[in-house]
Amino acid sequence: MSGKLYIVPTPVGNLDDMTPRAIEVLKSADIVLAEDTRTSGILLKHFDISTPMRSHHKFNEHEAVSAVVHQLQGGTVMALISDAGTPGISDPGFLLSRECRRQGIEVETLPGATAFVPALVNSGLPCDRFVFEGFLPQKKGRATRLEELKSQPLTMVFYESPLRMLKTLQQFAKTFGAEREASVVREISKLHNSTHNGTLGELVDYFNANAPRGEIVVVVAGCPQAATAKVDKYAEFKHKSAKV
């Protein structure tokens, strides 16, 4: 009889964001697969969870998937967690989830914490439709990807490290235009959580004078010209359809 894989979100900041069900699943699982056992060890200890842990991160994920799937096929119940947030969202998890489904092993993802959703909603930018870009390529392909996104009509969401954020904002301002609206959200649900809204040019000036720290989500407005053109094209289509 096959086991089951649970994908379990963990807090991105405040430990009180951990759900009772997530705690229950981690306690009842046979093994917890953790991105970093040292980081997750603190979380498990806080909630009095004694389930054995095994390392499962981006550097060993390709090699580890087949062994994990074999154990699951033997009836083991596993819970996958990352350092923070929902596994698979810019964290390990996709490869294992895909292979489990290919092999007919049940996968259940619990709802819970993720950084980009509160950052997007908190930004005040349109969030009915958006694109999640995660971390941009650091070097190769970065400029090309930014050029591709230049005419994107939907709100865009990015993850970035504090060490690269100012340079990224400068690149955004150069490619998208300094007047493009944006939001920088730091340390979501932590003590020093902050949101800074403004144009890309204003945000460059601010963070040039105030070095950013902590985990960062950058939300950028879509291209207004592209959005307007899309609406005009749809209106034209409706007008022509009405005549038929």
C-alpha atoms as a PDB file:
ATOM      1  CA  MET A   1       0.000   0.000   0.000  1.00  0.00           C
ATOM      2  CA  SER A   2       1.386   3.422  -0.978  1.00  0.00           C
ATOM      3  CA  GLY A   3       2.073   6.056   1.606  1.00  0.00           C
ATOM      4  CA  LYS A   4       1.302   9.724   1.225  1.00  0.00           C
ATOM      5  CA  LEU A   5       3.193  12.955   0.775  1.00  0.00           C
ATOM      6  CA  TYR A   6       2.006  16.066   2.599  1.00  0.00           C
ATOM      7  CA  ILE A   7       3.358  19.426   1.458  1.00  0.00           C
ATOM      8  CA  VAL A   8       3.229  21.630   4.542  1.00  0.00           C
ATOM      9  CA  PRO A   9       3.644  25.440   4.609  1.00  0.00           C
ATOM     10  CA  THR A  10       5.576  26.877   7.534  1.00  0.00           C
ATOM     11  CA  PRO A  11       5.618  30.490   8.830  1.00  0.00           C
ATOM     12  CA  VAL A  12       7.559  33.098   6.849  1.00  0.00           C
ATOM     13  CA  GLY A  13       8.021  35.080  10.052  1.00  0.00           C
ATOM     14  CA  ASN A  14       5.719  34.939  13.053  1.00  0.00           C
ATOM     15  CA  LEU A  15       5.499  31.390  14.438  1.00  0.00           C
ATOM     16  CA  ASP A  16       1.860  32.041  15.374  1.00  0.00           C
ATOM     17  CA  ASP A  17       1.072  31.770  11.652  1.00  0.00           C
ATOM     18  CA  MET A  18       1.580  27.996  11.903  1.00  0.00           C
ATOM     19  CA  THR A  19      -1.797  26.276  11.560  1.00  0.00           C
ATOM     20  CA  PRO A  20      -3.006  23.602  14.006  1.00  0.00           C
ATOM     21  CA  ARG A  21      -3.452  21.192  11.100  1.00  0.00           C
ATOM     22  CA  ALA A  22       0.127  21.701   9.929  1.00  0.00           C
ATOM     23  CA  ILE A  23       1.346  20.843  13.436  1.00  0.00           C
ATOM     24  CA  GLU A  24      -0.865  17.752  13.508  1.00  0.00           C
ATOM     25  CA  VAL A  25       0.418  16.514  10.135  1.00  0.00           C
ATOM     26  CA  LEU A  26       4.066  17.021  11.113  1.00  0.00           C
ATOM     27  CA  LYS A  27       3.496  15.112  14.362  1.00  0.00           C
ATOM     28  CA  SER A  28       1.709  12.206  12.695  1.00  0.00           C
ATOM     29  CA  ALA A  29       4.057  11.770   9.704  1.00  0.00           C
ATOM     30  CA  ASP A  30       6.724   9.056   9.743  1.00  0.00           C
ATOM     31  CA  ILE A  31       9.399  11.385   8.339  1.00  0.00           C
ATOM     32  CA  VAL A  32       9.711  15.139   7.825  1.00  0.00           C
ATOM     33  CA  LEU A  33      11.677  16.152   4.745  1.00  0.00           C
ATOM     34  CA  ALA A  34      13.283  19.518   5.536  1.00  0.00           C
ATOM     35  CA  GLU A  35      15.165  22.024   3.382  1.00  0.00           C
ATOM     36  CA  ASP A  36      17.496  22.738   6.318  1.00  0.00           C
ATOM     37  CA  THR A  37      17.217  20.428   9.314  1.00  0.00           C
ATOM     38  CA  ARG A  38      18.862  23.012  11.587  1.00  0.00           C
ATOM     39  CA  THR A  39      16.324  25.725  10.738  1.00  0.00           C
ATOM     40  CA  SER A  40      13.387  23.318  10.816  1.00  0.00           C
ATOM     41  CA  GLY A  41      14.695  21.803  14.046  1.00  0.00           C
ATOM     42  CA  ILE A  42      13.951  25.091  15.810  1.00  0.00           C
ATOM     43  CA  LEU A  43      10.405  25.099  14.423  1.00  0.00           C
ATOM     44  CA  LEU A  44       9.722  21.483  15.364  1.00  0.00           C
ATOM     45  CA  LYS A  45      11.124  21.968  18.859  1.00  0.00           C
ATOM     46  CA  HIS A  46       8.925  25.046  19.364  1.00  0.00           C
ATOM     47  CA  PHE A  47       5.807  22.986  18.624  1.00  0.00           C
ATOM     48  CA  ASP A  48       7.022  19.889  20.470  1.00  0.00           C
ATOM     49  CA  ILE A  49       7.255  17.806  17.282  1.00  0.00           C
ATOM     50  CA  SER A  50       9.608  14.836  17.577  1.00  0.00           C
ATOM     51  CA  THR A  51       9.171  13.310  14.104  1.00  0.00           C
ATOM     52  CA  PRO A  52      12.528  12.289  12.553  1.00  0.00           C
ATOM     53  CA  MET A  53      13.841  14.699   9.911  1.00  0.00           C
ATOM     54  CA  ARG A  54      15.715  14.126   6.677  1.00  0.00           C
ATOM     55  CA  SER A  55      17.433  16.719   4.527  1.00  0.00           C
ATOM     56  CA  HIS A  56      15.740  17.515   1.201  1.00  0.00           C
ATOM     57  CA  HIS A  57      17.083  20.640  -0.515  1.00  0.00           C
ATOM     58  CA  LYS A  58      17.854  21.983  -3.986  1.00  0.00           C
ATOM     59  CA  PHE A  59      21.357  20.494  -3.977  1.00  0.00           C
ATOM     60  CA  ASN A  60      20.238  16.897  -3.378  1.00  0.00           C
ATOM     61  CA  GLU A  61      16.649  16.950  -4.666  1.00  0.00           C
ATOM     62  CA  HIS A  62      17.362  15.345  -8.062  1.00  0.00           C
ATOM     63  CA  GLU A  63      19.259  12.464  -6.465  1.00  0.00           C
ATOM     64  CA  ALA A  64      16.890  12.050  -3.512  1.00  0.00           C
ATOM     65  CA  VAL A  65      13.571  11.884  -5.360  1.00  0.00           C
ATOM     66  CA  SER A  66      13.759   8.225  -6.419  1.00  0.00           C
ATOM     67  CA  ALA A  67      14.652   7.026  -2.897  1.00  0.00           C
ATOM     68  CA  VAL A  68      11.875   9.086  -1.339  1.00  0.00           C
ATOM     69  CA  VAL A  69       9.322   7.809  -3.851  1.00  0.00           C
ATOM     70  CA  HIS A  70      10.432   4.230  -3.172  1.00  0.00           C
ATOM     71  CA  GLN A  71       9.781   4.711   0.552  1.00  0.00           C
ATOM     72  CA  LEU A  72       6.409   6.297  -0.127  1.00  0.00           C
ATOM     73  CA  GLN A  73       5.482   3.326  -2.309  1.00  0.00           C
ATOM     74  CA  GLY A  74       6.285   1.131   0.660  1.00  0.00           C
ATOM     75  CA  GLY A  75       3.684   2.859   2.816  1.00  0.00           C
ATOM     76  CA  THR A  76       5.699   5.626   4.517  1.00  0.00           C
ATOM     77  CA  VAL A  77       3.902   8.888   5.212  1.00  0.00           C
ATOM     78  CA  MET A  78       6.112  11.941   4.696  1.00  0.00           C
ATOM     79  CA  ALA A  79       5.716  15.671   5.205  1.00  0.00           C
ATOM     80  CA  LEU A  80       7.771  18.097   3.134  1.00  0.00           C
ATOM     81  CA  ILE A  81       8.657  21.529   4.541  1.00  0.00           C
ATOM     82  CA  SER A  82      10.958  24.331   3.459  1.00  0.00           C
ATOM     83  CA  ASP A  83      12.742  26.902   5.617  1.00  0.00           C
ATOM     84  CA  ALA A  84       9.724  29.199   5.320  1.00  0.00           C
ATOM     85  CA  GLY A  85       6.547  29.406   3.274  1.00  0.00           C
ATOM     86  CA  THR A  86       5.077  26.815   0.935  1.00  0.00           C
ATOM     87  CA  PRO A  87       7.457  24.230  -0.585  1.00  0.00           C
ATOM     88  CA  GLY A  88       7.630  24.410  -4.366  1.00  0.00           C
ATOM     89  CA  ILE A  89       7.290  28.206  -4.453  1.00  0.00           C
ATOM     90  CA  SER A  90      10.934  29.191  -5.130  1.00  0.00           C
ATOM     91  CA  ASP A  91      11.859  26.296  -2.843  1.00  0.00           C
ATOM     92  CA  PRO A  92      12.404  22.527  -3.318  1.00  0.00           C
ATOM     93  CA  GLY A  93       9.263  20.453  -3.788  1.00  0.00           C
ATOM     94  CA  PHE A  94       8.202  20.562  -7.418  1.00  0.00           C
ATOM     95  CA  LEU A  95      10.306  17.590  -8.577  1.00  0.00           C
ATOM     96  CA  LEU A  96       9.114  15.355  -5.741  1.00  0.00           C
ATOM     97  CA  SER A  97       5.458  16.344  -6.144  1.00  0.00           C
ATOM     98  CA  ARG A  98       5.594  15.708  -9.895  1.00  0.00           C
ATOM     99  CA  GLU A  99       7.217  12.291  -9.537  1.00  0.00           C
ATOM    100  CA  CYS A 100       4.760  11.223  -6.828  1.00  0.00           C
ATOM    101  CA  ARG A 101       1.849  12.042  -9.097  1.00  0.00           C
ATOM    102  CA  ARG A 102       3.492  10.187 -11.963  1.00  0.00           C
ATOM    103  CA  GLN A 103       3.824   7.116  -9.735  1.00  0.00           C
ATOM    104  CA  GLY A 104       0.265   7.293  -8.418  1.00  0.00           C
ATOM    105  CA  ILE A 105       1.251   8.365  -4.903  1.00  0.00           C
ATOM    106  CA  GLU A 106      -1.210  10.645  -3.155  1.00  0.00           C
ATOM    107  CA  VAL A 107      -0.022  14.208  -2.589  1.00  0.00           C
ATOM    108  CA  GLU A 108      -1.869  16.725  -0.428  1.00  0.00           C
ATOM    109  CA  THR A 109      -0.783  20.349  -0.078  1.00  0.00           C
ATOM    110  CA  LEU A 110      -1.997  22.160   3.018  1.00  0.00           C
ATOM    111  CA  PRO A 111      -3.011  25.824   2.714  1.00  0.00           C
ATOM    112  CA  GLY A 112      -0.824  28.214   4.628  1.00  0.00           C
ATOM    113  CA  ALA A 113       1.901  30.814   4.650  1.00  0.00           C
ATOM    114  CA  THR A 114       3.575  32.165   1.546  1.00  0.00           C
ATOM    115  CA  ALA A 115       5.331  35.512   1.167  1.00  0.00           C
ATOM    116  CA  PHE A 116       4.095  36.807  -2.168  1.00  0.00           C
ATOM    117  CA  VAL A 117       0.329  36.775  -1.484  1.00  0.00           C
ATOM    118  CA  PRO A 118       0.321  39.223   1.473  1.00  0.00           C
ATOM    119  CA  ALA A 119       2.951  41.361  -0.302  1.00  0.00           C
ATOM    120  CA  LEU A 120       0.814  41.551  -3.433  1.00  0.00           C
ATOM    121  CA  VAL A 121      -2.383  42.423  -1.580  1.00  0.00           C
ATOM    122  CA  ASN A 122      -0.571  44.895   0.688  1.00  0.00           C
ATOM    123  CA  SER A 123       1.004  46.704  -2.278  1.00  0.00           C
ATOM    124  CA  GLY A 124      -2.253  48.341  -3.333  1.00  0.00           C
ATOM    125  CA  LEU A 125      -1.527  47.386  -6.941  1.00  0.00           C
ATOM    126  CA  PRO A 126      -4.084  45.402  -8.981  1.00  0.00           C
ATOM    127  CA  CYS A 127      -4.101  41.808  -7.748  1.00  0.00           C
ATOM    128  CA  ASP A 128      -7.072  40.299  -9.593  1.00  0.00           C
ATOM    129  CA  ARG A 129      -4.549  39.021 -12.162  1.00  0.00           C
ATOM    130  CA  PHE A 130      -0.781  38.929 -11.769  1.00  0.00           C
ATOM    131  CA  VAL A 131       2.406  37.085 -12.732  1.00  0.00           C
ATOM    132  CA  PHE A 132       4.754  35.545 -10.182  1.00  0.00           C
ATOM    133  CA  GLU A 133       8.378  35.690 -11.350  1.00  0.00           C
ATOM    134  CA  GLY A 134      10.109  34.571  -8.146  1.00  0.00           C
ATOM    135  CA  PHE A 135      13.881  35.119  -8.283  1.00  0.00           C
ATOM    136  CA  LEU A 136      15.142  36.483 -11.583  1.00  0.00           C
ATOM    137  CA  PRO A 137      18.278  34.915 -13.120  1.00  0.00           C
ATOM    138  CA  GLN A 138      21.274  36.496 -11.420  1.00  0.00           C
ATOM    139  CA  LYS A 139      23.339  36.851 -14.602  1.00  0.00           C
ATOM    140  CA  LYS A 140      22.660  34.898 -17.782  1.00  0.00           C
ATOM    141  CA  GLY A 141      19.230  35.654 -19.202  1.00  0.00           C
ATOM    142  CA  ARG A 142      18.405  38.418 -16.699  1.00  0.00           C
ATOM    143  CA  ALA A 143      18.438  41.332 -19.157  1.00  0.00           C
ATOM    144  CA  THR A 144      16.495  39.295 -21.701  1.00  0.00           C
ATOM    145  CA  ARG A 145      13.827  38.405 -19.153  1.00  0.00           C
ATOM    146  CA  LEU A 146      13.435  42.030 -18.075  1.00  0.00           C
ATOM    147  CA  GLU A 147      12.964  43.107 -21.687  1.00  0.00           C
ATOM    148  CA  GLU A 148      10.299  40.416 -22.086  1.00  0.00           C
ATOM    149  CA  LEU A 149       8.496  41.743 -19.000  1.00  0.00           C
ATOM    150  CA  LYS A 150       8.716  45.376 -20.082  1.00  0.00           C
ATOM    151  CA  SER A 151       5.354  45.198 -21.867  1.00  0.00           C
ATOM    152  CA  GLN A 152       3.696  42.836 -19.381  1.00  0.00           C
ATOM    153  CA  PRO A 153       0.242  44.346 -18.621  1.00  0.00           C
ATOM    154  CA  LEU A 154      -0.258  42.419 -15.361  1.00  0.00           C
ATOM    155  CA  THR A 155       1.160  43.208 -11.928  1.00  0.00           C
ATOM    156  CA  MET A 156       4.501  41.429 -11.450  1.00  0.00           C
ATOM    157  CA  VAL A 157       5.828  39.865  -8.238  1.00  0.00           C
ATOM    158  CA  PHE A 158       9.514  39.161  -7.564  1.00  0.00           C
ATOM    159  CA  TYR A 159      11.592  37.741  -4.740  1.00  0.00           C
ATOM    160  CA  GLU A 160      14.968  39.346  -4.080  1.00  0.00           C
ATOM    161  CA  SER A 161      17.795  39.249  -1.552  1.00  0.00           C
ATOM    162  CA  PRO A 162      18.712  42.434   0.359  1.00  0.00           C
ATOM    163  CA  LEU A 163      22.216  42.355  -1.169  1.00  0.00           C
ATOM    164  CA  ARG A 164      20.883  42.586  -4.736  1.00  0.00           C
ATOM    165  CA  MET A 165      17.688  44.565  -4.193  1.00  0.00           C
ATOM    166  CA  LEU A 166      18.985  48.086  -4.882  1.00  0.00           C
ATOM    167  CA  LYS A 167      20.653  46.944  -8.095  1.00  0.00           C
ATOM    168  CA  THR A 168      17.431  45.162  -9.083  1.00  0.00           C
ATOM    169  CA  LEU A 169      15.348  48.298  -8.484  1.00  0.00           C
ATOM    170  CA  GLN A 170      17.810  50.284 -10.586  1.00  0.00           C
ATOM    171  CA  GLN A 171      17.488  47.727 -13.389  1.00  0.00           C
ATOM    172  CA  PHE A 172      13.692  47.846 -13.099  1.00  0.00           C
ATOM    173  CA  ALA A 173      13.727  51.658 -13.303  1.00  0.00           C
ATOM    174  CA  LYS A 174      15.977  51.569 -16.357  1.00  0.00           C
ATOM    175  CA  THR A 175      13.946  48.894 -18.175  1.00  0.00           C
ATOM    176  CA  PHE A 176      10.366  49.584 -17.048  1.00  0.00           C
ATOM    177  CA  GLY A 177      10.728  53.343 -16.521  1.00  0.00           C
ATOM    178  CA  ALA A 178      11.407  55.304 -13.339  1.00  0.00           C
ATOM    179  CA  GLU A 179       7.737  56.381 -13.117  1.00  0.00           C
ATOM    180  CA  ARG A 180       6.380  52.830 -12.924  1.00  0.00           C
ATOM    181  CA  GLU A 181       4.550  52.220  -9.625  1.00  0.00           C
ATOM    182  CA  ALA A 182       5.990  49.570  -7.309  1.00  0.00           C
ATOM    183  CA  SER A 183       6.046  48.285  -3.744  1.00  0.00           C
ATOM    184  CA  VAL A 184       8.823  46.788  -1.631  1.00  0.00           C
ATOM    185  CA  VAL A 185       7.629  44.594   1.235  1.00  0.00           C
ATOM    186  CA  ARG A 186      10.155  43.439   3.822  1.00  0.00           C
ATOM    187  CA  GLU A 187      10.115  40.878   6.621  1.00  0.00           C
ATOM    188  CA  ILE A 188       6.477  39.822   6.209  1.00  0.00           C
ATOM    189  CA  SER A 189       4.789  39.004   9.546  1.00  0.00           C
ATOM    190  CA  LYS A 190       8.028  39.670  11.456  1.00  0.00           C
ATOM    191  CA  LEU A 191       8.690  42.369  14.060  1.00  0.00           C
ATOM    192  CA  HIS A 192      10.222  44.824  11.565  1.00  0.00           C
ATOM    193  CA  ASN A 193       7.756  44.216   8.731  1.00  0.00           C
ATOM    194  CA  SER A 194       7.526  47.247   6.428  1.00  0.00           C
ATOM    195  CA  THR A 195       5.987  48.278   3.110  1.00  0.00           C
ATOM    196  CA  HIS A 196       7.347  51.083   0.933  1.00  0.00           C
ATOM    197  CA  ASN A 197       5.233  52.242  -2.005  1.00  0.00           C
ATOM    198  CA  GLY A 198       6.144  54.687  -4.751  1.00  0.00           C
ATOM    199  CA  THR A 199       7.601  54.916  -8.216  1.00  0.00           C
ATOM    200  CA  LEU A 200      10.648  52.839  -9.053  1.00  0.00           C
ATOM    201  CA  GLY A 201      12.679  56.047  -9.112  1.00  0.00           C
ATOM    202  CA  GLU A 202      11.486  57.009  -5.628  1.00  0.00           C
ATOM    203  CA  LEU A 203      12.210  53.533  -4.284  1.00  0.00           C
ATOM    204  CA  VAL A 204      15.736  53.615  -5.734  1.00  0.00           C
ATOM    205  CA  ASP A 205      16.355  56.907  -3.933  1.00  0.00           C
ATOM    206  CA  TYR A 206      14.923  55.592  -0.667  1.00  0.00           C
ATOM    207  CA  PHE A 207      16.871  52.335  -0.571  1.00  0.00           C
ATOM    208  CA  ASN A 208      20.019  54.065  -1.766  1.00  0.00           C
ATOM    209  CA  ALA A 209      19.859  55.998   1.500  1.00  0.00           C
ATOM    210  CA  ASN A 210      18.428  53.149   3.606  1.00  0.00           C
ATOM    211  CA  ALA A 211      20.146  49.809   3.106  1.00  0.00           C
ATOM    212  CA  PRO A 212      17.505  47.046   2.924  1.00  0.00           C
ATOM    213  CA  ARG A 213      17.578  44.053   5.255  1.00  0.00           C
ATOM    214  CA  GLY A 214      15.663  40.814   5.566  1.00  0.00           C
ATOM    215  CA  GLU A 215      13.469  38.848   3.184  1.00  0.00           C
ATOM    216  CA  ILE A 216      12.072  41.000   0.384  1.00  0.00           C
ATOM    217  CA  VAL A 217       9.184  40.882  -2.089  1.00  0.00           C
ATOM    218  CA  VAL A 218       9.055  43.474  -4.877  1.00  0.00           C
ATOM    219  CA  VAL A 219       5.704  44.126  -6.575  1.00  0.00           C
ATOM    220  CA  VAL A 220       5.736  46.133  -9.813  1.00  0.00           C
ATOM    221  CA  ALA A 221       2.763  47.534 -11.706  1.00  0.00           C
ATOM    222  CA  GLY A 222       2.138  46.211 -15.201  1.00  0.00           C
ATOM    223  CA  CYS A 223       2.790  48.303 -18.281  1.00  0.00           C
ATOM    224  CA  PRO A 224      -0.084  50.837 -18.456  1.00  0.00           C
ATOM    225  CA  GLN A 225       0.186  51.215 -22.246  1.00  0.00           C
ATOM    226  CA  ALA A 226      -0.016  47.446 -22.744  1.00  0.00           C
ATOM    227  CA  ALA A 227      -3.026  47.185 -20.430  1.00  0.00           C
ATOM    228  CA  THR A 228      -4.816  50.010 -22.276  1.00  0.00           C
ATOM    229  CA  ALA A 229      -4.070  48.441 -25.654  1.00  0.00           C
ATOM    230  CA  LYS A 230      -5.449  45.123 -24.412  1.00  0.00           C
ATOM    231  CA  VAL A 231      -8.686  46.763 -23.220  1.00  0.00           C
ATOM    232  CA  ASP A 232      -9.065  48.679 -26.512  1.00  0.00           C
ATOM    233  CA  LYS A 233      -8.530  45.504 -28.511  1.00  0.00           C
ATOM    234  CA  TYR A 234     -11.161  43.660 -26.438  1.00  0.00           C
ATOM    235  CA  ALA A 235     -13.639  46.536 -26.867  1.00  0.00           C
ATOM    236  CA  GLU A 236     -13.053  46.466 -30.619  1.00  0.00           C
ATOM    237  CA  PHE A 237     -13.653  42.710 -30.662  1.00  0.00           C
ATOM    238  CA  LYS A 238     -16.939  43.102 -28.736  1.00  0.00           C
ATOM    239  CA  HIS A 239     -18.037  45.870 -31.097  1.00  0.00           C
ATOM    240  CA  LYS A 240     -17.384  43.720 -34.167  1.00  0.00           C
ATOM    241  CA  SER A 241     -19.083  40.728 -32.560  1.00  0.00           C
ATOM    242  CA  ALA A 242     -22.192  42.793 -31.844  1.00  0.00           C
ATOM    243  CA  LYS A 243     -22.510  43.551 -35.540  1.00  0.00           C
ATOM    244  CA  VAL A 244     -22.468  39.901 -36.547  1.00  0.00           C
END
